[in-house]
Amino acid sequence: MSRERGKRIAIGARPPANPQAEAWIRQGDSADLQKGDLYTARLTLDVTPAMRARIKVLAFTQGVTVAELLRALLEREFPEHTP
């Protein structure tokens, strides 16, 4: 099936959002905090490709994401001090 070159196909307007569906999607498990509610700062770190590979393999073998692995490491190394 071919289209004529330069012929544009109109796309209709986006359907209105269903507030109930949106709330249900965002609700998730009420016992869990949403990731965006807890982690709002981003940290960029340059590492060698070999180190990145080691981190990824370790995270995979532990069954966690790289972000979860590194957050746990940072929490151990930089605990929150309570007065």
N, C-alpha and C. Protein backbone atom coordinates (compact mmCIF):
# COMPACT_ATOMS: atom_id res chain seq x y z
N MET A 1 0.85 -1.17 0.00
CA MET A 1 0.00 0.00 0.00
C MET A 1 0.90 1.23 0.00
N SER A 2 0.73 2.09 -0.94
CA SER A 2 1.58 3.27 -1.01
C SER A 2 0.76 4.53 -0.80
N ARG A 3 1.43 5.56 -0.30
CA ARG A 3 0.79 6.86 -0.11
C ARG A 3 1.40 7.84 -1.08
N GLU A 4 0.60 8.80 -1.48
CA GLU A 4 1.13 9.84 -2.34
C GLU A 4 2.11 10.67 -1.53
N ARG A 5 3.19 11.02 -2.16
CA ARG A 5 4.21 11.82 -1.49
C ARG A 5 3.65 13.21 -1.20
N GLY A 6 3.84 13.69 0.03
CA GLY A 6 3.39 15.01 0.40
C GLY A 6 1.96 15.05 0.91
N LYS A 7 1.24 13.98 0.77
CA LYS A 7 -0.14 13.95 1.24
C LYS A 7 -0.13 13.76 2.76
N ARG A 8 -0.84 14.62 3.45
CA ARG A 8 -0.88 14.55 4.91
C ARG A 8 -2.18 13.90 5.37
N ILE A 9 -2.05 13.12 6.40
CA ILE A 9 -3.22 12.48 7.00
C ILE A 9 -3.52 13.21 8.28
N ALA A 10 -4.75 13.65 8.41
CA ALA A 10 -5.14 14.39 9.62
C ALA A 10 -5.30 13.41 10.78
N ILE A 11 -4.79 13.82 11.92
CA ILE A 11 -4.95 13.05 13.14
C ILE A 11 -5.93 13.81 14.00
N GLY A 12 -6.92 13.09 14.52
CA GLY A 12 -7.94 13.73 15.33
C GLY A 12 -7.40 14.25 16.65
N ALA A 13 -8.22 14.99 17.34
CA ALA A 13 -7.84 15.54 18.64
C ALA A 13 -7.67 14.41 19.64
N ARG A 14 -6.81 14.63 20.59
CA ARG A 14 -6.59 13.65 21.64
C ARG A 14 -7.87 13.51 22.47
N PRO A 15 -8.26 12.29 22.77
CA PRO A 15 -9.48 12.12 23.57
C PRO A 15 -9.29 12.70 24.96
N PRO A 16 -10.37 13.19 25.56
CA PRO A 16 -10.24 13.76 26.90
C PRO A 16 -9.82 12.69 27.90
N ALA A 17 -9.01 13.09 28.86
CA ALA A 17 -8.52 12.16 29.88
C ALA A 17 -9.66 11.79 30.82
N ASN A 18 -9.63 10.55 31.27
CA ASN A 18 -10.60 10.07 32.24
C ASN A 18 -9.98 10.25 33.62
N PRO A 19 -10.45 11.19 34.43
CA PRO A 19 -9.83 11.44 35.74
C PRO A 19 -9.81 10.22 36.64
N GLN A 20 -10.83 9.38 36.56
CA GLN A 20 -10.86 8.18 37.40
C GLN A 20 -9.78 7.20 36.99
N ALA A 21 -9.60 7.04 35.68
CA ALA A 21 -8.56 6.14 35.20
C ALA A 21 -7.18 6.68 35.55
N GLU A 22 -6.97 7.98 35.38
CA GLU A 22 -5.68 8.58 35.72
C GLU A 22 -5.36 8.40 37.21
N ALA A 23 -6.34 8.60 38.07
CA ALA A 23 -6.14 8.43 39.51
C ALA A 23 -5.81 6.98 39.84
N TRP A 24 -6.47 6.05 39.17
CA TRP A 24 -6.22 4.64 39.42
C TRP A 24 -4.80 4.26 39.02
N ILE A 25 -4.34 4.78 37.88
CA ILE A 25 -2.99 4.48 37.42
C ILE A 25 -1.97 5.03 38.40
N ARG A 26 -2.18 6.25 38.87
CA ARG A 26 -1.21 6.89 39.77
C ARG A 26 -1.28 6.34 41.19
N GLN A 27 -2.42 5.73 41.55
CA GLN A 27 -2.62 5.24 42.91
C GLN A 27 -1.62 4.15 43.26
N GLY A 28 -1.49 3.13 42.42
CA GLY A 28 -0.59 2.04 42.70
C GLY A 28 -0.97 1.38 44.01
N ASP A 29 0.01 0.87 44.70
CA ASP A 29 -0.21 0.28 46.01
C ASP A 29 -0.13 1.39 47.04
N SER A 30 -1.17 1.59 47.80
CA SER A 30 -1.21 2.71 48.75
C SER A 30 -0.13 2.61 49.82
N ALA A 31 0.40 1.41 50.05
CA ALA A 31 1.45 1.25 51.05
C ALA A 31 2.80 1.74 50.53
N ASP A 32 2.99 1.77 49.20
CA ASP A 32 4.26 2.20 48.61
C ASP A 32 4.21 3.67 48.29
N LEU A 33 5.31 4.36 48.57
CA LEU A 33 5.44 5.75 48.13
C LEU A 33 5.76 5.75 46.65
N GLN A 34 5.28 6.75 45.96
CA GLN A 34 5.63 6.90 44.56
C GLN A 34 7.10 7.33 44.49
N LYS A 35 7.83 6.82 43.51
CA LYS A 35 9.24 7.14 43.37
C LYS A 35 9.45 8.65 43.28
N GLY A 36 8.60 9.35 42.56
CA GLY A 36 8.73 10.79 42.42
C GLY A 36 8.51 11.54 43.72
N ASP A 37 7.75 10.94 44.66
CA ASP A 37 7.51 11.57 45.94
C ASP A 37 8.75 11.51 46.83
N LEU A 38 9.56 10.47 46.64
CA LEU A 38 10.70 10.25 47.51
C LEU A 38 12.00 10.78 46.93
N TYR A 39 12.24 10.55 45.64
CA TYR A 39 13.49 10.92 45.01
C TYR A 39 13.24 12.08 44.04
N THR A 40 13.67 13.26 44.41
CA THR A 40 13.41 14.41 43.57
C THR A 40 14.68 15.08 43.07
N ALA A 41 15.84 14.61 43.50
CA ALA A 41 17.11 15.19 43.05
C ALA A 41 17.86 14.16 42.21
N ARG A 42 18.47 14.62 41.16
CA ARG A 42 19.22 13.74 40.27
C ARG A 42 20.70 14.00 40.45
N LEU A 43 21.48 12.92 40.43
CA LEU A 43 22.93 13.01 40.59
C LEU A 43 23.57 12.34 39.38
N THR A 44 24.47 13.05 38.72
CA THR A 44 25.16 12.49 37.58
C THR A 44 26.60 12.22 37.97
N LEU A 45 27.07 11.03 37.64
CA LEU A 45 28.41 10.62 38.02
C LEU A 45 29.08 9.98 36.82
N ASP A 46 30.26 10.41 36.47
CA ASP A 46 31.01 9.82 35.36
C ASP A 46 31.85 8.67 35.90
N VAL A 47 31.69 7.51 35.30
CA VAL A 47 32.48 6.33 35.66
C VAL A 47 33.02 5.71 34.38
N THR A 48 34.00 4.84 34.52
CA THR A 48 34.55 4.16 33.35
C THR A 48 33.53 3.14 32.85
N PRO A 49 33.60 2.80 31.58
CA PRO A 49 32.70 1.76 31.07
C PRO A 49 32.84 0.43 31.83
N ALA A 50 34.06 0.10 32.25
CA ALA A 50 34.27 -1.14 32.99
C ALA A 50 33.58 -1.10 34.34
N MET A 51 33.66 0.04 35.04
CA MET A 51 32.99 0.15 36.33
C MET A 51 31.47 0.10 36.16
N ARG A 52 30.98 0.77 35.14
CA ARG A 52 29.54 0.73 34.86
C ARG A 52 29.08 -0.70 34.64
N ALA A 53 29.86 -1.46 33.90
CA ALA A 53 29.52 -2.86 33.64
C ALA A 53 29.50 -3.67 34.94
N ARG A 54 30.50 -3.44 35.80
CA ARG A 54 30.55 -4.16 37.09
C ARG A 54 29.34 -3.83 37.95
N ILE A 55 28.97 -2.56 37.98
CA ILE A 55 27.81 -2.12 38.77
C ILE A 55 26.54 -2.78 38.24
N LYS A 56 26.38 -2.78 36.92
CA LYS A 56 25.19 -3.37 36.32
C LYS A 56 25.10 -4.87 36.59
N VAL A 57 26.22 -5.57 36.50
CA VAL A 57 26.22 -7.02 36.76
C VAL A 57 25.87 -7.28 38.22
N LEU A 58 26.46 -6.52 39.13
CA LEU A 58 26.19 -6.70 40.55
C LEU A 58 24.71 -6.43 40.86
N ALA A 59 24.17 -5.38 40.30
CA ALA A 59 22.76 -5.08 40.52
C ALA A 59 21.89 -6.21 40.00
N PHE A 60 22.20 -6.72 38.81
CA PHE A 60 21.42 -7.81 38.23
C PHE A 60 21.49 -9.06 39.10
N THR A 61 22.68 -9.40 39.59
CA THR A 61 22.82 -10.61 40.40
C THR A 61 22.11 -10.48 41.74
N GLN A 62 21.96 -9.24 42.23
CA GLN A 62 21.24 -9.02 43.48
C GLN A 62 19.75 -8.82 43.25
N GLY A 63 19.33 -8.77 42.01
CA GLY A 63 17.91 -8.62 41.69
C GLY A 63 17.35 -7.24 41.98
N VAL A 64 18.20 -6.23 41.84
CA VAL A 64 17.76 -4.85 42.06
C VAL A 64 18.17 -4.01 40.86
N THR A 65 17.65 -2.80 40.80
CA THR A 65 18.07 -1.88 39.75
C THR A 65 19.39 -1.23 40.14
N VAL A 66 20.07 -0.67 39.15
CA VAL A 66 21.31 0.04 39.43
C VAL A 66 21.03 1.19 40.40
N ALA A 67 19.93 1.90 40.20
CA ALA A 67 19.59 3.02 41.08
C ALA A 67 19.40 2.54 42.52
N GLU A 68 18.70 1.42 42.70
CA GLU A 68 18.48 0.90 44.05
C GLU A 68 19.79 0.49 44.70
N LEU A 69 20.66 -0.16 43.94
CA LEU A 69 21.96 -0.58 44.45
C LEU A 69 22.78 0.62 44.89
N LEU A 70 22.83 1.65 44.05
CA LEU A 70 23.64 2.83 44.38
C LEU A 70 23.03 3.63 45.53
N ARG A 71 21.69 3.71 45.61
CA ARG A 71 21.07 4.40 46.75
C ARG A 71 21.42 3.70 48.06
N ALA A 72 21.40 2.36 48.07
CA ALA A 72 21.75 1.62 49.28
C ALA A 72 23.21 1.87 49.66
N LEU A 73 24.09 1.90 48.68
CA LEU A 73 25.50 2.18 48.92
C LEU A 73 25.68 3.58 49.51
N LEU A 74 25.01 4.55 48.92
CA LEU A 74 25.12 5.93 49.42
C LEU A 74 24.53 6.06 50.82
N GLU A 75 23.44 5.35 51.09
CA GLU A 75 22.85 5.39 52.45
C GLU A 75 23.81 4.81 53.48
N ARG A 76 24.51 3.72 53.12
CA ARG A 76 25.49 3.12 54.04
C ARG A 76 26.66 4.05 54.29
N GLU A 77 27.15 4.68 53.24
CA GLU A 77 28.32 5.54 53.35
C GLU A 77 28.01 6.92 53.91
N PHE A 78 26.80 7.40 53.69
CA PHE A 78 26.42 8.74 54.13
C PHE A 78 25.08 8.68 54.87
N PRO A 79 25.08 8.04 56.06
CA PRO A 79 23.82 7.92 56.79
C PRO A 79 23.32 9.28 57.27
N GLU A 80 22.01 9.38 57.41
CA GLU A 80 21.42 10.61 57.92
C GLU A 80 21.66 10.64 59.43
N HIS A 81 22.30 11.68 59.90
CA HIS A 81 22.60 11.80 61.32
C HIS A 81 21.42 12.43 62.03
N THR A 82 20.97 11.78 63.09
CA THR A 82 19.89 12.36 63.88
C THR A 82 20.50 12.91 65.17
N PRO A 83 20.16 14.17 65.49
CA PRO A 83 20.77 14.80 66.68
C PRO A 83 20.33 14.15 67.97
